C-alpha atoms as a PDB file:
ATOM      1  CA  UNK A   1     130.511  91.653 115.424  1.00  0.00           C
ATOM      2  CA  UNK A   2     130.701  94.932 117.374  1.00  0.00           C
ATOM      3  CA  UNK A   3     131.674  98.414 116.262  1.00  0.00           C
ATOM      4  CA  UNK A   4     135.368  99.170 115.858  1.00  0.00           C
ATOM      5  CA  UNK A   5     136.699 102.737 115.852  1.00  0.00           C
ATOM      6  CA  UNK A   6     133.216 104.151 115.388  1.00  0.00           C
ATOM      7  CA  UNK A   7     132.508 102.035 112.309  1.00  0.00           C
ATOM      8  CA  UNK A   8     129.115 100.357 112.315  1.00  0.00           C
ATOM      9  CA  UNK A   9     129.012  96.735 111.205  1.00  0.00           C
ATOM     10  CA  UNK A  10     125.335  96.365 112.041  1.00  0.00           C
ATOM     11  CA  UNK A  11     123.574  93.965 109.682  1.00  0.00           C
ATOM     12  CA  UNK A  12     120.213  94.710 108.048  1.00  0.00           C
ATOM     13  CA  UNK A  13     118.558  91.718 106.345  1.00  0.00           C
ATOM     14  CA  UNK A  14     115.397  91.775 104.242  1.00  0.00           C
ATOM     15  CA  UNK A  15     112.964  88.865 104.047  1.00  0.00           C
ATOM     16  CA  UNK A  16     113.713  87.099 107.340  1.00  0.00           C
ATOM     17  CA  UNK A  17     110.388  85.392 108.029  1.00  0.00           C
ATOM     18  CA  UNK A  18     111.646  82.091 106.596  1.00  0.00           C
ATOM     19  CA  UNK A  19     114.255  80.379 104.461  1.00  0.00           C
ATOM     20  CA  UNK A  20     117.615  81.949 103.703  1.00  0.00           C
ATOM     21  CA  UNK A  21     116.875  85.222 105.475  1.00  0.00           C
ATOM     22  CA  UNK A  22     115.805  83.514 108.673  1.00  0.00           C
ATOM     23  CA  UNK A  23     118.805  81.165 108.685  1.00  0.00           C
ATOM     24  CA  UNK A  24     121.221  84.029 107.985  1.00  0.00           C
ATOM     25  CA  UNK A  25     119.866  86.236 110.762  1.00  0.00           C
ATOM     26  CA  UNK A  26     120.128  83.383 113.247  1.00  0.00           C
ATOM     27  CA  UNK A  27     123.666  82.431 112.219  1.00  0.00           C
ATOM     28  CA  UNK A  28     125.007  85.980 112.253  1.00  0.00           C
ATOM     29  CA  UNK A  29     123.518  86.935 115.611  1.00  0.00           C
ATOM     30  CA  UNK A  30     125.064  83.787 117.104  1.00  0.00           C
ATOM     31  CA  UNK A  31     128.390  84.853 115.576  1.00  0.00           C
ATOM     32  CA  UNK A  32     128.224  88.141 117.463  1.00  0.00           C
ATOM     33  CA  UNK A  33     126.886  90.529 114.845  1.00  0.00           C
ATOM     34  CA  UNK A  34     124.270  93.139 115.667  1.00  0.00           C
ATOM     35  CA  UNK A  35     121.466  91.923 113.428  1.00  0.00           C
ATOM     36  CA  UNK A  36     118.341  93.767 112.359  1.00  0.00           C
ATOM     37  CA  UNK A  37     116.018  91.081 110.996  1.00  0.00           C
ATOM     38  CA  UNK A  38     113.103  92.389 108.964  1.00  0.00           C
ATOM     39  CA  UNK A  39     109.921  91.186 107.320  1.00  0.00           C
ATOM     40  CA  UNK A  40     106.656  92.624 106.054  1.00  0.00           C
ATOM     41  CA  UNK A  41     105.013  91.181 109.161  1.00  0.00           C
ATOM     42  CA  UNK A  42     107.432  91.526 112.101  1.00  0.00           C
ATOM     43  CA  UNK A  43     105.278  89.245 114.245  1.00  0.00           C
ATOM     44  CA  UNK A  44     106.742  86.359 112.209  1.00  0.00           C
ATOM     45  CA  UNK A  45     110.174  87.150 113.680  1.00  0.00           C
ATOM     46  CA  UNK A  46     109.503  86.333 117.339  1.00  0.00           C
ATOM     47  CA  UNK A  47     111.990  83.446 117.487  1.00  0.00           C
ATOM     48  CA  UNK A  48     114.705  85.644 115.989  1.00  0.00           C
ATOM     49  CA  UNK A  49     114.002  88.314 118.596  1.00  0.00           C
ATOM     50  CA  UNK A  50     114.340  85.671 121.297  1.00  0.00           C
ATOM     51  CA  UNK A  51     117.683  84.652 119.777  1.00  0.00           C
ATOM     52  CA  UNK A  52     118.972  88.226 120.109  1.00  0.00           C
ATOM     53  CA  UNK A  53     118.066  89.866 116.806  1.00  0.00           C
ATOM     54  CA  UNK A  54     116.501  93.296 116.685  1.00  0.00           C
ATOM     55  CA  UNK A  55     113.373  93.155 114.537  1.00  0.00           C
ATOM     56  CA  UNK A  56     111.772  95.721 112.250  1.00  0.00           C
ATOM     57  CA  UNK A  57     108.937  95.905 109.754  1.00  0.00           C
ATOM     58  CA  UNK A  58     110.254  96.273 106.216  1.00  0.00           C
ATOM     59  CA  UNK A  59     108.349  95.841 102.964  1.00  0.00           C
ATOM     60  CA  UNK A  60     110.560  96.207  99.868  1.00  0.00           C
ATOM     61  CA  UNK A  61     107.472  97.222  97.888  1.00  0.00           C
ATOM     62  CA  UNK A  62     106.901 100.238 100.130  1.00  0.00           C
ATOM     63  CA  UNK A  63     109.168 103.309 100.016  1.00  0.00           C
ATOM     64  CA  UNK A  64     108.162 104.613 103.451  1.00  0.00           C
ATOM     65  CA  UNK A  65     108.731 101.200 105.018  1.00  0.00           C
ATOM     66  CA  UNK A  66     112.223 100.862 103.542  1.00  0.00           C
ATOM     67  CA  UNK A  67     113.235 104.408 104.499  1.00  0.00           C
ATOM     68  CA  UNK A  68     111.898 103.984 108.026  1.00  0.00           C
ATOM     69  CA  UNK A  69     113.822 100.757 108.623  1.00  0.00           C
ATOM     70  CA  UNK A  70     117.107 102.215 107.390  1.00  0.00           C
ATOM     71  CA  UNK A  71     116.557 105.380 109.463  1.00  0.00           C
ATOM     72  CA  UNK A  72     115.940 103.281 112.584  1.00  0.00           C
ATOM     73  CA  UNK A  73     119.220 101.396 112.136  1.00  0.00           C
ATOM     74  CA  UNK A  74     121.154 104.594 111.402  1.00  0.00           C
ATOM     75  CA  UNK A  75     119.727 106.287 114.490  1.00  0.00           C
ATOM     76  CA  UNK A  76     120.826 103.400 116.706  1.00  0.00           C
ATOM     77  CA  UNK A  77     124.100 102.440 115.014  1.00  0.00           C
ATOM     78  CA  UNK A  78     125.224 105.428 112.959  1.00  0.00           C
ATOM     79  CA  UNK A  79     124.980 103.512 109.700  1.00  0.00           C
ATOM     80  CA  UNK A  80     123.906 100.231 108.183  1.00  0.00           C
ATOM     81  CA  UNK A  81     127.269  98.496 107.991  1.00  0.00           C
ATOM     82  CA  UNK A  82     126.079  95.409 106.143  1.00  0.00           C
ATOM     83  CA  UNK A  83     123.001  95.081 103.936  1.00  0.00           C
ATOM     84  CA  UNK A  84     121.804  91.629 102.909  1.00  0.00           C
ATOM     85  CA  UNK A  85     119.222  91.887 100.131  1.00  0.00           C
ATOM     86  CA  UNK A  86     117.380  88.598 100.506  1.00  0.00           C
ATOM     87  CA  UNK A  87     113.682  89.390  99.955  1.00  0.00           C
ATOM     88  CA  UNK A  88     112.367  87.724  96.815  1.00  0.00           C
ATOM     89  CA  UNK A  89     110.087  85.075  95.352  1.00  0.00           C
ATOM     90  CA  UNK A  90     109.416  83.254  92.068  1.00  0.00           C
ATOM     91  CA  UNK A  91     106.565  84.060  89.713  1.00  0.00           C
ATOM     92  CA  UNK A  92     106.509  81.065  87.405  1.00  0.00           C
ATOM     93  CA  UNK A  93     104.497  80.216  84.315  1.00  0.00           C
ATOM     94  CA  UNK A  94     104.631  80.733  80.548  1.00  0.00           C
ATOM     95  CA  UNK A  95     105.546  84.315  79.696  1.00  0.00           C
ATOM     96  CA  UNK A  96     102.572  84.787  77.357  1.00  0.00           C
ATOM     97  CA  UNK A  97     100.063  83.975  80.087  1.00  0.00           C
ATOM     98  CA  UNK A  98     101.445  85.765  83.152  1.00  0.00           C
ATOM     99  CA  UNK A  99      99.400  88.941  83.760  1.00  0.00           C
ATOM    100  CA  UNK A 100     101.558  92.032  83.363  1.00  0.00           C
ATOM    101  CA  UNK A 101     100.667  93.234  86.864  1.00  0.00           C
ATOM    102  CA  UNK A 102     102.194  90.046  88.287  1.00  0.00           C
ATOM    103  CA  UNK A 103     105.344  90.670  86.276  1.00  0.00           C
ATOM    104  CA  UNK A 104     105.560  94.221  87.622  1.00  0.00           C
ATOM    105  CA  UNK A 105     105.115  92.929  91.166  1.00  0.00           C
ATOM    106  CA  UNK A 106     107.915  90.392  90.610  1.00  0.00           C
ATOM    107  CA  UNK A 107     110.278  93.172  89.555  1.00  0.00           C
ATOM    108  CA  UNK A 108     109.167  95.456  92.394  1.00  0.00           C
ATOM    109  CA  UNK A 109     110.217  92.829  94.924  1.00  0.00           C
ATOM    110  CA  UNK A 110     113.207  91.132  93.322  1.00  0.00           C
ATOM    111  CA  UNK A 111     114.814  94.095  91.549  1.00  0.00           C
ATOM    112  CA  UNK A 112     113.463  97.547  92.392  1.00  0.00           C
ATOM    113  CA  UNK A 113     113.292  96.862  96.127  1.00  0.00           C
ATOM    114  CA  UNK A 114     116.879  95.598  96.087  1.00  0.00           C
ATOM    115  CA  UNK A 115     118.095  98.667  94.212  1.00  0.00           C
ATOM    116  CA  UNK A 116     116.232 101.063  96.488  1.00  0.00           C
ATOM    117  CA  UNK A 117     117.665  99.428  99.623  1.00  0.00           C
ATOM    118  CA  UNK A 118     121.156  99.911  98.201  1.00  0.00           C
ATOM    119  CA  UNK A 119     120.415 103.573  97.488  1.00  0.00           C
ATOM    120  CA  UNK A 120     119.156 104.123 101.030  1.00  0.00           C
ATOM    121  CA  UNK A 121     122.111 102.555 102.877  1.00  0.00           C
ATOM    122  CA  UNK A 122     124.987 103.751 100.683  1.00  0.00           C
ATOM    123  CA  UNK A 123     125.196 107.356 101.983  1.00  0.00           C
ATOM    124  CA  UNK A 124     125.805 106.042 105.504  1.00  0.00           C
ATOM    125  CA  UNK A 125     128.322 103.486 104.285  1.00  0.00           C
ATOM    126  CA  UNK A 126     130.202 106.154 102.344  1.00  0.00           C
ATOM    127  CA  UNK A 127     130.289 108.481 105.352  1.00  0.00           C
ATOM    128  CA  UNK A 128     131.992 105.864 107.495  1.00  0.00           C
ATOM    129  CA  UNK A 129     134.188 104.524 104.706  1.00  0.00           C
ATOM    130  CA  UNK A 130     133.011 100.961 105.187  1.00  0.00           C
ATOM    131  CA  UNK A 131     130.161  98.759 104.025  1.00  0.00           C
ATOM    132  CA  UNK A 132     129.197  95.394 102.639  1.00  0.00           C
ATOM    133  CA  UNK A 133     126.234  94.785 100.356  1.00  0.00           C
ATOM    134  CA  UNK A 134     125.308  91.140  99.869  1.00  0.00           C
ATOM    135  CA  UNK A 135     122.793  90.442  97.111  1.00  0.00           C
ATOM    136  CA  UNK A 136     121.095  87.063  97.038  1.00  0.00           C
ATOM    137  CA  UNK A 137     121.051  86.058  93.395  1.00  0.00           C
ATOM    138  CA  UNK A 138     120.627  82.558  92.024  1.00  0.00           C
ATOM    139  CA  UNK A 139     122.086  80.066  89.607  1.00  0.00           C
ATOM    140  CA  UNK A 140     118.939  81.182  87.776  1.00  0.00           C
ATOM    141  CA  UNK A 141     120.752  84.431  87.027  1.00  0.00           C
ATOM    142  CA  UNK A 142     123.003  82.675  84.513  1.00  0.00           C
ATOM    143  CA  UNK A 143     120.756  79.921  83.173  1.00  0.00           C
ATOM    144  CA  UNK A 144     117.040  79.664  82.459  1.00  0.00           C
ATOM    145  CA  UNK A 145     114.510  76.873  82.802  1.00  0.00           C
ATOM    146  CA  UNK A 146     111.237  76.840  80.820  1.00  0.00           C
ATOM    147  CA  UNK A 147     108.357  78.329  82.760  1.00  0.00           C
ATOM    148  CA  UNK A 148     110.707  80.450  84.843  1.00  0.00           C
ATOM    149  CA  UNK A 149     111.530  83.229  82.414  1.00  0.00           C
ATOM    150  CA  UNK A 150     110.159  86.116  84.477  1.00  0.00           C
ATOM    151  CA  UNK A 151     111.809  84.994  87.712  1.00  0.00           C
ATOM    152  CA  UNK A 152     115.084  84.236  85.940  1.00  0.00           C
ATOM    153  CA  UNK A 153     115.050  87.651  84.287  1.00  0.00           C
ATOM    154  CA  UNK A 154     114.977  89.336  87.694  1.00  0.00           C
ATOM    155  CA  UNK A 155     117.993  87.328  88.808  1.00  0.00           C
ATOM    156  CA  UNK A 156     119.826  88.190  85.577  1.00  0.00           C
ATOM    157  CA  UNK A 157     119.139  91.821  86.502  1.00  0.00           C
ATOM    158  CA  UNK A 158     120.616  91.298  89.973  1.00  0.00           C
ATOM    159  CA  UNK A 159     123.782  89.962  88.307  1.00  0.00           C
ATOM    160  CA  UNK A 160     124.166  93.138  86.222  1.00  0.00           C
ATOM    161  CA  UNK A 161     123.289  95.469  89.097  1.00  0.00           C
ATOM    162  CA  UNK A 162     125.800  93.772  91.386  1.00  0.00           C
ATOM    163  CA  UNK A 163     128.574  93.988  88.781  1.00  0.00           C
ATOM    164  CA  UNK A 164     128.030  97.688  88.124  1.00  0.00           C
ATOM    165  CA  UNK A 165     127.569  98.570  91.788  1.00  0.00           C
ATOM    166  CA  UNK A 166     130.697  96.660  92.827  1.00  0.00           C
ATOM    167  CA  UNK A 167     132.829  98.921  90.617  1.00  0.00           C
ATOM    168  CA  UNK A 168     131.015 102.132  91.510  1.00  0.00           C
ATOM    169  CA  UNK A 169     131.297 101.889  95.310  1.00  0.00           C
ATOM    170  CA  UNK A 170     134.604 100.066  95.850  1.00  0.00           C
ATOM    171  CA  UNK A 171     136.500 103.345  96.102  1.00  0.00           C
ATOM    172  CA  UNK A 172     134.293 104.387  99.034  1.00  0.00           C
ATOM    173  CA  UNK A 173     135.239 101.293 101.053  1.00  0.00           C
ATOM    174  CA  UNK A 174     132.095  99.353 100.150  1.00  0.00           C
ATOM    175  CA  UNK A 175     132.255  95.767  98.882  1.00  0.00           C
ATOM    176  CA  UNK A 176     129.433  94.181  96.883  1.00  0.00           C
ATOM    177  CA  UNK A 177     129.032  90.408  97.000  1.00  0.00           C
ATOM    178  CA  UNK A 178     126.686  88.244  94.939  1.00  0.00           C
ATOM    179  CA  UNK A 179     125.520  84.911  96.350  1.00  0.00           C
ATOM    180  CA  UNK A 180     124.440  82.349  93.736  1.00  0.00           C
ATOM    181  CA  UNK A 181     122.490  79.540  95.432  1.00  0.00           C
ATOM    182  CA  UNK A 182     121.430  76.483  93.519  1.00  0.00           C
ATOM    183  CA  UNK A 183     118.428  74.462  94.585  1.00  0.00           C
ATOM    184  CA  UNK A 184     117.597  75.357  98.203  1.00  0.00           C
ATOM    185  CA  UNK A 185     115.002  73.366 100.120  1.00  0.00           C
ATOM    186  CA  UNK A 186     112.834  76.065 101.681  1.00  0.00           C
ATOM    187  CA  UNK A 187     109.267  77.345 101.362  1.00  0.00           C
ATOM    188  CA  UNK A 188     110.436  78.971  98.112  1.00  0.00           C
ATOM    189  CA  UNK A 189     109.439  75.916  96.056  1.00  0.00           C
ATOM    190  CA  UNK A 190     105.898  75.871  97.462  1.00  0.00           C
ATOM    191  CA  UNK A 191     105.453  79.538  96.547  1.00  0.00           C
ATOM    192  CA  UNK A 192     106.824  78.914  93.058  1.00  0.00           C
ATOM    193  CA  UNK A 193     104.398  76.049  92.404  1.00  0.00           C
ATOM    194  CA  UNK A 194     101.533  78.101  93.816  1.00  0.00           C
ATOM    195  CA  UNK A 195     102.394  80.989  91.490  1.00  0.00           C
ATOM    196  CA  UNK A 196     102.127  78.644  88.500  1.00  0.00           C
ATOM    197  CA  UNK A 197      98.647  77.553  89.552  1.00  0.00           C
ATOM    198  CA  UNK A 198      97.578  81.163  89.933  1.00  0.00           C
ATOM    199  CA  UNK A 199      98.203  81.939  86.260  1.00  0.00           C
ATOM    200  CA  UNK A 200      97.396  78.570  84.686  1.00  0.00           C
ATOM    201  CA  UNK A 201      94.787  78.446  81.920  1.00  0.00           C
ATOM    202  CA  UNK A 202      93.536  74.882  81.688  1.00  0.00           C
ATOM    203  CA  UNK A 203      92.100  75.339  78.205  1.00  0.00           C
ATOM    204  CA  UNK A 204      95.018  77.022  76.517  1.00  0.00           C
ATOM    205  CA  UNK A 205      98.135  76.357  74.454  1.00  0.00           C
ATOM    206  CA  UNK A 206     100.302  75.823  77.533  1.00  0.00           C
ATOM    207  CA  UNK A 207      98.101  73.624  79.742  1.00  0.00           C
ATOM    208  CA  UNK A 208     100.104  70.400  79.602  1.00  0.00           C
ATOM    209  CA  UNK A 209     103.383  72.306  79.653  1.00  0.00           C
ATOM    210  CA  UNK A 210     102.351  74.271  82.742  1.00  0.00           C
ATOM    211  CA  UNK A 211     101.299  71.092  84.568  1.00  0.00           C
ATOM    212  CA  UNK A 212     104.657  69.509  83.788  1.00  0.00           C
ATOM    213  CA  UNK A 213     106.604  72.564  84.942  1.00  0.00           C
ATOM    214  CA  UNK A 214     104.702  72.583  88.247  1.00  0.00           C
ATOM    215  CA  UNK A 215     105.318  68.867  88.758  1.00  0.00           C
ATOM    216  CA  UNK A 216     109.008  69.133  87.822  1.00  0.00           C
ATOM    217  CA  UNK A 217     109.493  72.099  90.155  1.00  0.00           C
ATOM    218  CA  UNK A 218     107.903  70.283  93.076  1.00  0.00           C
ATOM    219  CA  UNK A 219     109.839  67.062  92.458  1.00  0.00           C
ATOM    220  CA  UNK A 220     113.141  68.890  92.025  1.00  0.00           C
ATOM    221  CA  UNK A 221     112.898  70.107  95.613  1.00  0.00           C
ATOM    222  CA  UNK A 222     111.640  66.830  97.081  1.00  0.00           C
ATOM    223  CA  UNK A 223     113.242  63.941  95.198  1.00  0.00           C
ATOM    224  CA  UNK A 224     115.385  63.066  92.234  1.00  0.00           C
ATOM    225  CA  UNK A 225     118.976  63.964  91.282  1.00  0.00           C
ATOM    226  CA  UNK A 226     118.699  67.721  91.777  1.00  0.00           C
ATOM    227  CA  UNK A 227     117.240  67.337  95.268  1.00  0.00           C
ATOM    228  CA  UNK A 228     120.305  65.292  96.213  1.00  0.00           C
ATOM    229  CA  UNK A 229     122.522  68.122  94.944  1.00  0.00           C
ATOM    230  CA  UNK A 230     120.547  70.816  96.752  1.00  0.00           C
ATOM    231  CA  UNK A 231     121.106  72.490 100.073  1.00  0.00           C
ATOM    232  CA  UNK A 232     119.452  74.365 102.910  1.00  0.00           C
ATOM    233  CA  UNK A 233     119.081  77.939 104.040  1.00  0.00           C
ATOM    234  CA  UNK A 234     121.770  77.203 106.612  1.00  0.00           C
ATOM    235  CA  UNK A 235     124.205  76.317 103.817  1.00  0.00           C
ATOM    236  CA  UNK A 236     123.670  79.732 102.254  1.00  0.00           C
ATOM    237  CA  UNK A 237     123.966  81.443 105.636  1.00  0.00           C
ATOM    238  CA  UNK A 238     127.353  79.792 106.207  1.00  0.00           C
ATOM    239  CA  UNK A 239     128.656  81.152 102.902  1.00  0.00           C
ATOM    240  CA  UNK A 240     127.334  84.633 103.690  1.00  0.00           C
ATOM    241  CA  UNK A 241     129.136  84.591 107.037  1.00  0.00           C
ATOM    242  CA  UNK A 242     132.337  83.590 105.252  1.00  0.00           C
ATOM    243  CA  UNK A 243     131.930  86.467 102.794  1.00  0.00           C
ATOM    244  CA  UNK A 244     131.473  88.904 105.683  1.00  0.00           C
ATOM    245  CA  UNK A 245     134.363  87.667 107.781  1.00  0.00           C
ATOM    246  CA  UNK A 246     137.039  87.845 105.096  1.00  0.00           C
ATOM    247  CA  UNK A 247     138.932  91.082 104.458  1.00  0.00           C
ATOM    248  CA  UNK A 248     138.674  90.772 100.684  1.00  0.00           C
ATOM    249  CA  UNK A 249     135.457  88.981  99.707  1.00  0.00           C
ATOM    250  CA  UNK A 250     135.015  87.416  96.283  1.00  0.00           C
ATOM    251  CA  UNK A 251     132.597  89.009  93.846  1.00  0.00           C
ATOM    252  CA  UNK A 252     130.561  85.782  93.616  1.00  0.00           C
ATOM    253  CA  UNK A 253     129.941  82.740  95.772  1.00  0.00           C
ATOM    254  CA  UNK A 254     128.179  79.662  94.402  1.00  0.00           C
ATOM    255  CA  UNK A 255     126.262  77.582  96.928  1.00  0.00           C
ATOM    256  CA  UNK A 256     125.328  73.882  96.573  1.00  0.00           C
ATOM    257  CA  UNK A 257     126.532  71.223  94.155  1.00  0.00           C
ATOM    258  CA  UNK A 258     123.532  71.872  91.895  1.00  0.00           C
ATOM    259  CA  UNK A 259     124.751  75.435  91.303  1.00  0.00           C
ATOM    260  CA  UNK A 260     128.299  74.343  90.535  1.00  0.00           C
ATOM    261  CA  UNK A 261     127.161  71.540  88.220  1.00  0.00           C
ATOM    262  CA  UNK A 262     124.433  73.317  86.251  1.00  0.00           C
ATOM    263  CA  UNK A 263     126.223  76.665  85.920  1.00  0.00           C
ATOM    264  CA  UNK A 264     129.327  74.916  84.611  1.00  0.00           C
ATOM    265  CA  UNK A 265     127.246  72.796  82.260  1.00  0.00           C
ATOM    266  CA  UNK A 266     125.414  75.839  80.883  1.00  0.00           C
ATOM    267  CA  UNK A 267     128.676  77.715  80.280  1.00  0.00           C
ATOM    268  CA  UNK A 268     130.054  74.809  78.257  1.00  0.00           C
ATOM    269  CA  UNK A 269     127.009  74.056  76.116  1.00  0.00           C
ATOM    270  CA  UNK A 270     125.983  75.988  72.967  1.00  0.00           C
ATOM    271  CA  UNK A 271     122.423  77.321  73.052  1.00  0.00           C
ATOM    272  CA  UNK A 272     121.110  74.617  70.734  1.00  0.00           C
ATOM    273  CA  UNK A 273     122.559  71.825  72.839  1.00  0.00           C
ATOM    274  CA  UNK A 274     121.168  73.401  76.017  1.00  0.00           C
ATOM    275  CA  UNK A 275     117.727  73.640  74.394  1.00  0.00           C
ATOM    276  CA  UNK A 276     117.962  69.972  73.405  1.00  0.00           C
ATOM    277  CA  UNK A 277     118.793  69.078  77.005  1.00  0.00           C
ATOM    278  CA  UNK A 278     115.743  71.032  78.212  1.00  0.00           C
ATOM    279  CA  UNK A 279     113.505  69.147  75.763  1.00  0.00           C
ATOM    280  CA  UNK A 280     114.487  65.922  77.532  1.00  0.00           C
ATOM    281  CA  UNK A 281     113.156  67.411  80.777  1.00  0.00           C
ATOM    282  CA  UNK A 282     110.131  69.460  79.663  1.00  0.00           C
ATOM    283  CA  UNK A 283     107.462  69.028  76.950  1.00  0.00           C
ATOM    284  CA  UNK A 284     107.832  71.790  74.379  1.00  0.00           C
ATOM    285  CA  UNK A 285     104.602  73.697  73.670  1.00  0.00           C
ATOM    286  CA  UNK A 286     103.478  74.020  70.053  1.00  0.00           C
ATOM    287  CA  UNK A 287     102.564  71.852  67.127  1.00  0.00           C
ATOM    288  CA  UNK A 288     103.498  68.281  67.887  1.00  0.00           C
ATOM    289  CA  UNK A 289     104.428  69.240  71.424  1.00  0.00           C
ATOM    290  CA  UNK A 290     102.534  69.968  74.628  1.00  0.00           C
ATOM    291  CA  UNK A 291      98.979  71.041  73.755  1.00  0.00           C
ATOM    292  CA  UNK A 292     100.013  70.973  70.113  1.00  0.00           C
END
């Protein structure tokens, strides 16, 4: 997608080394967009460079890195026309046992980095009277599974930020779109399970519960009903392209059958009924429960 009438539609994507970011960069560059694919380690982006993407180092935990990447795109293109905030990961485990520094790091990546990227690109978007900001949220921004409270809380935050930002910048010609993927089969699940192991305390009140959460997370991505209702990074990339190509994008796009099914189910069920459903899937810690 080339410039029209001096308006930059160059795409800047965070977190492109794998998964959704990688698939989106590849799809958009094939569709004709000028794509700046980024990652903390740009050497992981060699195949995207070969496909035609421009590659940059960008760490959403580092102010200088974020500012430098945006400045590089603005110098070459005039402005970042489209920002896709994709960088993120899951810190899983029982809330009581996750070290506070790990919680801060989760927010730095999933929330503060996203907000700062928006702040950095918006002046250029406002100057040219055009922009699109695509935030990668999750079905986990409207429902919560046990053992995922910290991760889910960051995605709830992305929901609120996207809603407020959408109203605030619309008058400047900038659209904000929230993508809500369900279960996506990428390296994300392996990182989530690994994060559980990193905080697990074998001799503690949550030992059995934590083991079950790790097992359920792994199986959800590999087999069972949810895996059949899941999707791929390419599925998300296709929806992102659709949101970029339409004149009037929707505020939200759900991706995968698992997102449609579980988000609808959660909206219909009272809290007590939802909790009862979760107890059929997870052992509840406490007296008479896991490690009780």
